[in-house]
Amino acid sequence: MKHLSHTNRLPRVLIADDHAVVAEGLCSILQKSCDVIGIVRDGRELLVEAPKLEPDLIVLDISMPVLNGLDAAEQLKHFLPKVKFVFLTMKDDPNLAAAALNLGKVGYVLKHSLSSELLHAVSEVLQGNAYVTPRLRSENWAVQGLRARQVSQDLTPRQKEVLQLLAEGRPMKEVAQILNVSEKAIMFHKYRIMASFNLKNNAELVLFALKHHLIS
């Protein structure tokens, strides 16, 4: 993780994005009005570093490897209940936006948006308001998102982690090492997921993860 210098007078912001160029660009934009205290590269690193750094707000990519942004944020809320989130994504998907809003008053901004929109979203969320990029606002997007998110809510946090890592094409042994459990435990979780959703093979497992935004 990259640590940056900081002061105590501005909102403390942590950036999470697996693309170095994007992360540095976000840092350049945000440091004009925020105290950017660090950059992490994936959701699991975010879970480790955020409790140490105690940011006011986390600007994070949804489609990160190892652990996606939505599930990382959901887990962090238990450790940092006051932290706020602004999600970044390439996907102009109202279902995904609504899934993010299920986590509370967060921001949802497309990566190709103007820097001024990102700064506006950060300002709104820091003030306790939700923000969704105007392109995705409609009367029924929230209802659509609740439906899309329902299936992933039926999975336990551990099952989500296992599903994402397996769907990324990682071998069983590597998944076990990342999660610090036995290969038998990973096999058990995989079996439970496939049995619960009637998935017949690895291809269907990957398609299921894609459909429910656990991988991109």
Protein backbone atom coordinates (compact mmCIF):
# COMPACT_ATOMS: atom_id res chain seq x y z
CA MET A 1 0.00 0.00 0.00
CA LYS A 2 1.19 3.51 -0.78
CA HIS A 3 1.05 5.92 2.16
CA LEU A 4 0.89 9.66 1.50
CA SER A 5 1.59 12.65 3.66
CA HIS A 6 -1.41 14.30 5.28
CA THR A 7 -2.67 17.12 7.43
CA ASN A 8 -5.53 17.25 9.93
CA ARG A 9 -7.54 20.06 8.34
CA LEU A 10 -9.08 18.28 5.34
CA PRO A 11 -11.29 15.17 4.98
CA ARG A 12 -9.12 12.05 5.09
CA VAL A 13 -9.60 10.01 1.90
CA LEU A 14 -8.32 6.54 1.02
CA ILE A 15 -8.24 5.43 -2.63
CA ALA A 16 -8.75 1.81 -3.70
CA ASP A 17 -8.15 0.94 -7.36
CA ASP A 18 -6.11 -1.83 -8.98
CA HIS A 19 -5.02 0.37 -11.90
CA ALA A 20 -2.02 2.47 -10.88
CA VAL A 21 -2.61 5.17 -13.50
CA VAL A 22 -6.24 5.59 -12.43
CA ALA A 23 -5.30 5.69 -8.75
CA GLU A 24 -2.66 8.35 -9.33
CA GLY A 25 -5.12 10.37 -11.38
CA LEU A 26 -7.71 10.19 -8.61
CA CYS A 27 -5.07 11.27 -6.12
CA SER A 28 -4.22 14.31 -8.27
CA ILE A 29 -7.90 15.31 -8.46
CA LEU A 30 -8.80 14.71 -4.83
CA GLN A 31 -5.76 16.21 -3.14
CA LYS A 32 -6.95 19.66 -4.19
CA SER A 33 -9.72 19.50 -1.58
CA CYS A 34 -8.98 16.40 0.49
CA ASP A 35 -6.19 14.81 2.48
CA VAL A 36 -5.38 11.68 0.46
CA ILE A 37 -3.85 9.36 3.05
CA GLY A 38 -3.12 6.29 0.92
CA ILE A 39 -3.75 4.07 -2.09
CA VAL A 40 -4.54 0.33 -2.03
CA ARG A 41 -4.78 -2.05 -4.99
CA ASP A 42 -7.53 -4.55 -4.13
CA GLY A 43 -10.42 -5.19 -1.78
CA ARG A 44 -8.52 -7.43 0.61
CA GLU A 45 -5.72 -4.89 1.04
CA LEU A 46 -8.43 -2.32 1.70
CA LEU A 47 -9.82 -4.45 4.55
CA VAL A 48 -6.37 -4.53 6.13
CA GLU A 49 -5.35 -0.89 5.69
CA ALA A 50 -8.59 1.05 6.19
CA PRO A 51 -8.98 0.23 9.91
CA LYS A 52 -5.38 1.33 10.47
CA LEU A 53 -5.73 4.63 8.59
CA GLU A 54 -9.31 5.46 9.69
CA PRO A 55 -10.33 7.53 6.64
CA ASP A 56 -13.41 9.73 6.57
CA LEU A 57 -14.18 8.55 3.05
CA ILE A 58 -13.03 5.78 0.71
CA VAL A 59 -13.08 6.27 -3.06
CA LEU A 60 -13.06 2.77 -4.52
CA ASP A 61 -13.40 0.87 -7.75
CA ILE A 62 -16.18 -1.72 -7.73
CA SER A 63 -14.38 -4.20 -10.02
CA MET A 64 -11.23 -4.91 -8.00
CA PRO A 65 -9.47 -8.30 -7.92
CA VAL A 66 -9.41 -10.65 -4.91
CA LEU A 67 -12.39 -8.87 -3.29
CA ASN A 68 -14.69 -6.49 -5.17
CA GLY A 69 -15.49 -3.01 -3.93
CA LEU A 70 -19.09 -3.67 -2.93
CA ASP A 71 -18.29 -6.63 -0.71
CA ALA A 72 -15.21 -4.92 0.73
CA ALA A 73 -17.33 -1.91 1.69
CA GLU A 74 -20.01 -4.14 3.20
CA GLN A 75 -17.41 -5.79 5.43
CA LEU A 76 -15.73 -2.51 6.36
CA LYS A 77 -19.00 -1.06 7.66
CA HIS A 78 -18.73 -3.46 10.61
CA PHE A 79 -15.29 -2.11 11.58
CA LEU A 80 -15.66 1.51 10.48
CA PRO A 81 -19.38 2.35 10.82
CA LYS A 82 -18.82 6.08 10.21
CA VAL A 83 -16.72 5.77 7.05
CA LYS A 84 -18.33 6.95 3.81
CA PHE A 85 -17.93 5.55 0.30
CA VAL A 86 -17.83 6.84 -3.26
CA PHE A 87 -17.84 4.00 -5.79
CA LEU A 88 -16.22 4.32 -9.21
CA THR A 89 -17.03 2.03 -12.13
CA MET A 90 -16.96 1.76 -15.91
CA LYS A 91 -20.47 0.26 -15.82
CA ASP A 92 -23.47 2.53 -16.35
CA ASP A 93 -25.70 -0.16 -14.85
CA PRO A 94 -28.63 1.07 -12.72
CA ASN A 95 -28.80 -2.31 -11.00
CA LEU A 96 -25.22 -1.98 -9.84
CA ALA A 97 -25.80 1.61 -8.72
CA ALA A 98 -28.79 0.56 -6.66
CA ALA A 99 -26.80 -2.30 -5.15
CA ALA A 100 -24.23 0.25 -4.00
CA LEU A 101 -26.97 2.43 -2.51
CA ASN A 102 -28.13 -0.55 -0.47
CA LEU A 103 -25.03 0.12 1.64
CA GLY A 104 -26.31 3.54 2.68
CA LYS A 105 -25.78 7.12 1.54
CA VAL A 106 -22.89 6.50 -0.81
CA GLY A 107 -21.76 7.95 -4.12
CA TYR A 108 -21.78 6.20 -7.52
CA VAL A 109 -19.74 7.83 -10.28
CA LEU A 110 -18.69 6.59 -13.71
CA LYS A 111 -14.94 6.56 -14.33
CA HIS A 112 -15.24 8.63 -17.48
CA SER A 113 -17.13 11.41 -15.65
CA LEU A 114 -15.58 14.85 -15.36
CA SER A 115 -13.37 15.47 -12.36
CA SER A 116 -15.82 18.15 -11.25
CA GLU A 117 -18.54 15.49 -10.90
CA LEU A 118 -16.29 13.30 -8.76
CA LEU A 119 -15.51 16.24 -6.48
CA HIS A 120 -19.21 17.07 -6.26
CA ALA A 121 -20.03 13.45 -5.34
CA VAL A 122 -17.34 13.46 -2.66
CA SER A 123 -18.70 16.70 -1.24
CA GLU A 124 -22.28 15.40 -1.19
CA VAL A 125 -21.37 12.12 0.49
CA LEU A 126 -19.22 13.86 3.12
CA GLN A 127 -22.26 15.98 3.95
CA GLY A 128 -24.35 12.85 4.53
CA ASN A 129 -26.12 12.74 1.18
CA ALA A 130 -26.26 10.01 -1.47
CA TYR A 131 -25.08 10.74 -5.00
CA VAL A 132 -25.74 8.85 -8.24
CA THR A 133 -24.40 10.05 -11.57
CA PRO A 134 -27.28 11.76 -13.45
CA ARG A 135 -27.05 9.36 -16.38
CA LEU A 136 -28.44 6.55 -14.23
CA ARG A 137 -31.23 8.29 -12.38
CA SER A 138 -34.73 6.98 -13.12
CA GLU A 139 -37.90 6.20 -11.25
CA ASN A 140 -37.41 2.42 -11.08
CA TRP A 141 -33.63 1.95 -10.85
CA ALA A 142 -33.68 1.36 -7.09
CA VAL A 143 -36.27 -1.41 -7.39
CA GLN A 144 -34.25 -3.06 -10.17
CA GLY A 145 -31.14 -2.94 -8.04
CA LEU A 146 -32.81 -4.54 -5.06
CA ARG A 147 -33.79 -7.48 -7.24
CA ALA A 148 -30.33 -7.80 -8.75
CA ARG A 149 -28.68 -7.72 -5.33
CA GLN A 150 -30.99 -10.25 -3.69
CA VAL A 151 -29.12 -13.35 -4.90
CA SER A 152 -25.72 -12.15 -3.66
CA GLN A 153 -27.30 -11.32 -0.31
CA ASP A 154 -28.19 -15.00 -0.02
CA LEU A 155 -24.46 -15.78 0.01
CA THR A 156 -22.38 -15.51 3.17
CA PRO A 157 -19.41 -13.10 3.12
CA ARG A 158 -17.03 -16.09 2.91
CA GLN A 159 -18.99 -17.62 0.02
CA LYS A 160 -18.77 -14.31 -1.85
CA GLU A 161 -15.00 -14.25 -1.36
CA VAL A 162 -14.62 -17.85 -2.53
CA LEU A 163 -16.91 -17.31 -5.51
CA GLN A 164 -15.06 -14.22 -6.70
CA LEU A 165 -11.62 -15.80 -6.38
CA LEU A 166 -12.68 -19.00 -8.15
CA ALA A 167 -14.46 -17.04 -10.88
CA GLU A 168 -11.25 -15.04 -11.44
CA GLY A 169 -9.69 -18.34 -12.48
CA ARG A 170 -7.53 -18.88 -9.40
CA PRO A 171 -6.71 -22.51 -8.53
CA MET A 172 -8.20 -24.00 -5.37
CA LYS A 173 -4.81 -24.03 -3.62
CA GLU A 174 -4.25 -20.31 -4.24
CA VAL A 175 -7.76 -19.44 -3.02
CA ALA A 176 -7.10 -21.39 0.18
CA GLN A 177 -3.81 -19.54 0.69
CA ILE A 178 -5.38 -16.11 0.15
CA LEU A 179 -8.19 -16.82 2.61
CA ASN A 180 -5.91 -18.69 5.01
CA VAL A 181 -8.11 -21.80 5.13
CA SER A 182 -7.75 -25.41 3.95
CA GLU A 183 -8.46 -26.55 0.40
CA LYS A 184 -11.19 -28.77 1.85
CA ALA A 185 -12.93 -25.67 3.20
CA ILE A 186 -12.81 -24.06 -0.24
CA MET A 187 -14.20 -27.22 -1.84
CA PHE A 188 -17.03 -27.22 0.72
CA HIS A 189 -17.95 -23.58 0.01
CA LYS A 190 -17.82 -24.21 -3.74
CA TYR A 191 -20.11 -27.22 -3.37
CA ARG A 192 -22.61 -25.25 -1.25
CA ILE A 193 -22.70 -22.38 -3.75
CA MET A 194 -23.19 -24.65 -6.75
CA ALA A 195 -25.83 -26.74 -4.97
CA SER A 196 -27.74 -23.68 -3.70
CA PHE A 197 -28.02 -22.07 -7.14
CA ASN A 198 -28.09 -25.25 -9.26
CA LEU A 199 -24.78 -24.51 -10.99
CA LYS A 200 -23.53 -27.56 -12.88
CA ASN A 201 -19.92 -26.69 -13.74
CA ASN A 202 -17.18 -24.04 -13.49
CA ALA A 203 -18.43 -22.21 -16.57
CA GLU A 204 -21.83 -21.67 -14.95
CA LEU A 205 -20.06 -20.59 -11.75
CA VAL A 206 -18.20 -17.85 -13.68
CA LEU A 207 -21.36 -16.73 -15.47
CA PHE A 208 -23.19 -16.55 -12.14
CA ALA A 209 -20.42 -14.36 -10.69
CA LEU A 210 -20.51 -12.09 -13.74
CA LYS A 211 -24.29 -11.74 -13.64
CA HIS A 212 -24.22 -10.66 -10.01
CA HIS A 213 -21.27 -8.27 -10.42
CA LEU A 214 -18.83 -10.24 -8.27
CA ILE A 215 -16.31 -10.07 -11.11
CA SER A 216 -16.11 -7.85 -14.19
